[in-house]
Amino acid sequence: MFKQQSSKYSLFLLELIIAIFFFSISSAVCVQLYAKANVLSTSTKDLNIAITKVEGAAEVMKSDPLDPNAALLSAFSDSIIEGQTIQIGYNQNWEACPLSEASYLMKIDWQHQNQIVSATIDMRKLSTQESADDIDIYDLNIIKHIPNTIN
């Protein structure tokens, strides 16, 4: 009689161990899925905001195709202009800021040839480590034809 009761306890203990093992594996899978979903959500949010910011800069450039630097400088006061390259920094909350405090960088390279203004607008996430490369988020190429005017 003592052996049968011991057998029941060991069977119950084995079943309990299997249930704990199953739930621990399930919880590990759920934590991994949650982490991947969080990373995907963050990158999607960054992409959506980057698209909005880049398209806004493109519209500002198109508003004054004869002098894009002046148009961009009036819209983005913290921008840095070097020839035909403009750099605009954004902080973690996607607010314009000086480049020294920036987490994101929008770089606009433009050219004016004949009657056409073309530009490449690049948004990237700046790496926090010096050895790591910046992460490209979104690129946009624009072309604007400047019509002839009759005086």
C-alpha atoms as a PDB file:
ATOM      1  CA  MET A   1       0.000   0.000   0.000  1.00  0.00           C
ATOM      2  CA  PHE A   2       2.863   2.422   0.736  1.00  0.00           C
ATOM      3  CA  LYS A   3       4.372   1.861  -2.736  1.00  0.00           C
ATOM      4  CA  GLN A   4       1.161   2.757  -4.566  1.00  0.00           C
ATOM      5  CA  GLN A   5       0.835   6.081  -2.741  1.00  0.00           C
ATOM      6  CA  SER A   6       4.490   6.944  -3.506  1.00  0.00           C
ATOM      7  CA  SER A   7       3.857   6.136  -7.166  1.00  0.00           C
ATOM      8  CA  LYS A   8       0.903   8.550  -7.236  1.00  0.00           C
ATOM      9  CA  TYR A   9       3.022  11.369  -5.786  1.00  0.00           C
ATOM     10  CA  SER A  10       5.865  10.813  -8.236  1.00  0.00           C
ATOM     11  CA  LEU A  11       3.408  10.768 -11.147  1.00  0.00           C
ATOM     12  CA  PHE A  12       1.881  14.034  -9.913  1.00  0.00           C
ATOM     13  CA  LEU A  13       5.355  15.543  -9.476  1.00  0.00           C
ATOM     14  CA  LEU A  14       6.344  14.484 -13.013  1.00  0.00           C
ATOM     15  CA  GLU A  15       3.168  16.016 -14.422  1.00  0.00           C
ATOM     16  CA  LEU A  16       3.818  19.249 -12.492  1.00  0.00           C
ATOM     17  CA  ILE A  17       7.409  19.436 -13.823  1.00  0.00           C
ATOM     18  CA  ILE A  18       6.193  18.952 -17.408  1.00  0.00           C
ATOM     19  CA  ALA A  19       3.559  21.703 -16.965  1.00  0.00           C
ATOM     20  CA  ILE A  20       6.166  24.120 -15.526  1.00  0.00           C
ATOM     21  CA  PHE A  21       8.544  23.291 -18.395  1.00  0.00           C
ATOM     22  CA  PHE A  22       5.799  23.913 -20.974  1.00  0.00           C
ATOM     23  CA  PHE A  23       4.830  27.276 -19.438  1.00  0.00           C
ATOM     24  CA  SER A  24       8.454  28.407 -19.153  1.00  0.00           C
ATOM     25  CA  ILE A  25       9.052  27.667 -22.854  1.00  0.00           C
ATOM     26  CA  SER A  26       5.789  29.424 -23.760  1.00  0.00           C
ATOM     27  CA  SER A  27       6.710  32.489 -21.729  1.00  0.00           C
ATOM     28  CA  ALA A  28      10.186  32.648 -23.345  1.00  0.00           C
ATOM     29  CA  VAL A  29       8.593  32.581 -26.817  1.00  0.00           C
ATOM     30  CA  CYS A  30       6.092  35.278 -25.827  1.00  0.00           C
ATOM     31  CA  VAL A  31       8.861  37.544 -24.480  1.00  0.00           C
ATOM     32  CA  GLN A  32      10.802  37.166 -27.750  1.00  0.00           C
ATOM     33  CA  LEU A  33       7.696  37.966 -29.796  1.00  0.00           C
ATOM     34  CA  TYR A  34       7.001  41.021 -27.654  1.00  0.00           C
ATOM     35  CA  ALA A  35      10.593  42.273 -28.064  1.00  0.00           C
ATOM     36  CA  LYS A  36      10.477  41.830 -31.860  1.00  0.00           C
ATOM     37  CA  ALA A  37       7.099  43.568 -32.033  1.00  0.00           C
ATOM     38  CA  ASN A  38       8.447  46.480 -29.998  1.00  0.00           C
ATOM     39  CA  VAL A  39      11.470  46.878 -32.308  1.00  0.00           C
ATOM     40  CA  LEU A  40       9.232  46.673 -35.377  1.00  0.00           C
ATOM     41  CA  SER A  41       6.827  49.240 -33.916  1.00  0.00           C
ATOM     42  CA  THR A  42       9.663  51.670 -33.160  1.00  0.00           C
ATOM     43  CA  SER A  43      11.195  51.337 -36.624  1.00  0.00           C
ATOM     44  CA  THR A  44       7.780  51.786 -38.278  1.00  0.00           C
ATOM     45  CA  LYS A  45       7.105  54.895 -36.198  1.00  0.00           C
ATOM     46  CA  ASP A  46      10.522  56.301 -37.172  1.00  0.00           C
ATOM     47  CA  LEU A  47       9.842  55.569 -40.852  1.00  0.00           C
ATOM     48  CA  ASN A  48       6.430  57.277 -40.808  1.00  0.00           C
ATOM     49  CA  ILE A  49       7.771  60.392 -39.094  1.00  0.00           C
ATOM     50  CA  ALA A  50      10.831  60.462 -41.381  1.00  0.00           C
ATOM     51  CA  ILE A  51       8.632  60.315 -44.474  1.00  0.00           C
ATOM     52  CA  THR A  52       6.587  63.245 -43.176  1.00  0.00           C
ATOM     53  CA  LYS A  53       9.679  65.334 -42.364  1.00  0.00           C
ATOM     54  CA  VAL A  54      11.397  64.578 -45.696  1.00  0.00           C
ATOM     55  CA  GLU A  55       8.279  65.341 -47.734  1.00  0.00           C
ATOM     56  CA  GLY A  56       7.854  68.588 -45.791  1.00  0.00           C
ATOM     57  CA  ALA A  57      11.425  69.615 -46.621  1.00  0.00           C
ATOM     58  CA  ALA A  58      10.820  68.721 -50.281  1.00  0.00           C
ATOM     59  CA  GLU A  59       7.745  70.950 -50.378  1.00  0.00           C
ATOM     60  CA  VAL A  60       9.708  73.805 -48.802  1.00  0.00           C
ATOM     61  CA  MET A  61      12.403  73.380 -51.458  1.00  0.00           C
ATOM     62  CA  LYS A  62       9.848  73.356 -54.253  1.00  0.00           C
ATOM     63  CA  SER A  63       8.299  76.576 -52.930  1.00  0.00           C
ATOM     64  CA  ASP A  64      11.401  78.551 -53.952  1.00  0.00           C
ATOM     65  CA  PRO A  65      13.351  76.557 -56.546  1.00  0.00           C
ATOM     66  CA  LEU A  66      15.535  79.549 -57.476  1.00  0.00           C
ATOM     67  CA  ASP A  67      16.971  79.765 -53.935  1.00  0.00           C
ATOM     68  CA  PRO A  68      16.300  76.559 -51.963  1.00  0.00           C
ATOM     69  CA  ASN A  69      18.808  77.537 -49.264  1.00  0.00           C
ATOM     70  CA  ALA A  70      16.801  80.625 -48.309  1.00  0.00           C
ATOM     71  CA  ALA A  71      13.530  78.686 -48.248  1.00  0.00           C
ATOM     72  CA  LEU A  72      15.010  75.902 -46.117  1.00  0.00           C
ATOM     73  CA  LEU A  73      16.755  78.328 -43.763  1.00  0.00           C
ATOM     74  CA  SER A  74      13.494  80.197 -43.171  1.00  0.00           C
ATOM     75  CA  ALA A  75      11.667  76.947 -42.395  1.00  0.00           C
ATOM     76  CA  PHE A  76      14.458  75.250 -40.417  1.00  0.00           C
ATOM     77  CA  SER A  77      16.335  77.818 -38.350  1.00  0.00           C
ATOM     78  CA  ASP A  78      18.711  75.276 -36.758  1.00  0.00           C
ATOM     79  CA  SER A  79      19.926  73.994 -40.130  1.00  0.00           C
ATOM     80  CA  ILE A  80      23.548  74.111 -41.243  1.00  0.00           C
ATOM     81  CA  ILE A  81      24.197  75.122 -44.842  1.00  0.00           C
ATOM     82  CA  GLU A  82      27.450  74.278 -46.603  1.00  0.00           C
ATOM     83  CA  GLY A  83      27.254  75.249 -50.264  1.00  0.00           C
ATOM     84  CA  GLN A  84      24.466  73.166 -51.747  1.00  0.00           C
ATOM     85  CA  THR A  85      24.172  70.816 -48.765  1.00  0.00           C
ATOM     86  CA  ILE A  86      21.816  71.446 -45.878  1.00  0.00           C
ATOM     87  CA  GLN A  87      21.823  69.444 -42.635  1.00  0.00           C
ATOM     88  CA  ILE A  88      18.938  69.510 -40.178  1.00  0.00           C
ATOM     89  CA  GLY A  89      19.059  67.756 -36.823  1.00  0.00           C
ATOM     90  CA  TYR A  90      16.165  66.263 -34.856  1.00  0.00           C
ATOM     91  CA  ASN A  91      16.147  65.042 -31.261  1.00  0.00           C
ATOM     92  CA  GLN A  92      14.548  61.847 -29.904  1.00  0.00           C
ATOM     93  CA  ASN A  93      11.099  63.495 -29.998  1.00  0.00           C
ATOM     94  CA  TRP A  94      11.555  64.531 -33.651  1.00  0.00           C
ATOM     95  CA  GLU A  95      11.833  68.223 -32.822  1.00  0.00           C
ATOM     96  CA  ALA A  96      14.344  70.335 -34.746  1.00  0.00           C
ATOM     97  CA  CYS A  97      17.511  70.894 -32.732  1.00  0.00           C
ATOM     98  CA  PRO A  98      21.202  71.764 -33.206  1.00  0.00           C
ATOM     99  CA  LEU A  99      23.302  69.004 -34.783  1.00  0.00           C
ATOM    100  CA  SER A 100      25.278  68.512 -31.566  1.00  0.00           C
ATOM    101  CA  GLU A 101      22.100  67.299 -29.807  1.00  0.00           C
ATOM    102  CA  ALA A 102      20.619  65.411 -32.768  1.00  0.00           C
ATOM    103  CA  SER A 103      19.492  61.785 -32.780  1.00  0.00           C
ATOM    104  CA  TYR A 104      18.273  61.993 -36.381  1.00  0.00           C
ATOM    105  CA  LEU A 105      19.843  63.844 -39.307  1.00  0.00           C
ATOM    106  CA  MET A 106      18.216  65.049 -42.511  1.00  0.00           C
ATOM    107  CA  LYS A 107      20.744  65.835 -45.229  1.00  0.00           C
ATOM    108  CA  ILE A 108      19.666  67.650 -48.392  1.00  0.00           C
ATOM    109  CA  ASP A 109      22.002  67.776 -51.396  1.00  0.00           C
ATOM    110  CA  TRP A 110      20.688  69.851 -54.286  1.00  0.00           C
ATOM    111  CA  GLN A 111      21.863  70.995 -57.710  1.00  0.00           C
ATOM    112  CA  HIS A 112      20.663  73.627 -60.143  1.00  0.00           C
ATOM    113  CA  GLN A 113      21.358  72.911 -63.826  1.00  0.00           C
ATOM    114  CA  ASN A 114      19.726  74.704 -66.739  1.00  0.00           C
ATOM    115  CA  GLN A 115      16.046  74.928 -65.827  1.00  0.00           C
ATOM    116  CA  ILE A 116      16.018  71.982 -63.399  1.00  0.00           C
ATOM    117  CA  VAL A 117      16.562  71.790 -59.649  1.00  0.00           C
ATOM    118  CA  SER A 118      17.227  68.277 -58.386  1.00  0.00           C
ATOM    119  CA  ALA A 119      17.755  67.191 -54.819  1.00  0.00           C
ATOM    120  CA  THR A 120      18.400  64.110 -52.734  1.00  0.00           C
ATOM    121  CA  ILE A 121      16.957  64.179 -49.240  1.00  0.00           C
ATOM    122  CA  ASP A 122      18.282  61.559 -46.841  1.00  0.00           C
ATOM    123  CA  MET A 123      16.999  60.898 -43.312  1.00  0.00           C
ATOM    124  CA  ARG A 124      19.121  58.759 -41.024  1.00  0.00           C
ATOM    125  CA  LYS A 125      19.257  57.762 -37.393  1.00  0.00           C
ATOM    126  CA  LEU A 126      22.576  58.702 -35.841  1.00  0.00           C
ATOM    127  CA  SER A 127      24.350  55.937 -33.977  1.00  0.00           C
ATOM    128  CA  THR A 128      25.183  56.437 -30.328  1.00  0.00           C
ATOM    129  CA  GLN A 129      28.453  54.524 -30.672  1.00  0.00           C
ATOM    130  CA  GLU A 130      31.351  56.021 -32.591  1.00  0.00           C
ATOM    131  CA  SER A 131      32.239  52.701 -34.243  1.00  0.00           C
ATOM    132  CA  ALA A 132      28.712  51.956 -35.512  1.00  0.00           C
ATOM    133  CA  ASP A 133      27.331  53.268 -38.784  1.00  0.00           C
ATOM    134  CA  ASP A 134      24.288  55.499 -39.006  1.00  0.00           C
ATOM    135  CA  ILE A 135      21.039  53.793 -39.984  1.00  0.00           C
ATOM    136  CA  ASP A 136      19.321  55.015 -43.158  1.00  0.00           C
ATOM    137  CA  ILE A 137      15.610  55.496 -42.590  1.00  0.00           C
ATOM    138  CA  TYR A 138      14.319  57.113 -45.787  1.00  0.00           C
ATOM    139  CA  ASP A 139      15.650  58.667 -49.026  1.00  0.00           C
ATOM    140  CA  LEU A 140      13.784  60.856 -51.498  1.00  0.00           C
ATOM    141  CA  ASN A 141      14.901  62.201 -54.868  1.00  0.00           C
ATOM    142  CA  ILE A 142      13.073  65.226 -56.243  1.00  0.00           C
ATOM    143  CA  ILE A 143      13.231  67.104 -59.529  1.00  0.00           C
ATOM    144  CA  LYS A 144      11.625  70.503 -60.140  1.00  0.00           C
ATOM    145  CA  HIS A 145      11.505  72.204 -63.526  1.00  0.00           C
ATOM    146  CA  ILE A 146      11.733  75.988 -63.417  1.00  0.00           C
ATOM    147  CA  PRO A 147       9.643  77.429 -66.263  1.00  0.00           C
ATOM    148  CA  ASN A 148      10.941  80.306 -68.370  1.00  0.00           C
ATOM    149  CA  THR A 149       9.496  83.681 -67.524  1.00  0.00           C
ATOM    150  CA  ILE A 150       8.756  86.447 -69.967  1.00  0.00           C
ATOM    151  CA  ASN A 151       9.634  89.925 -68.778  1.00  0.00           C
END
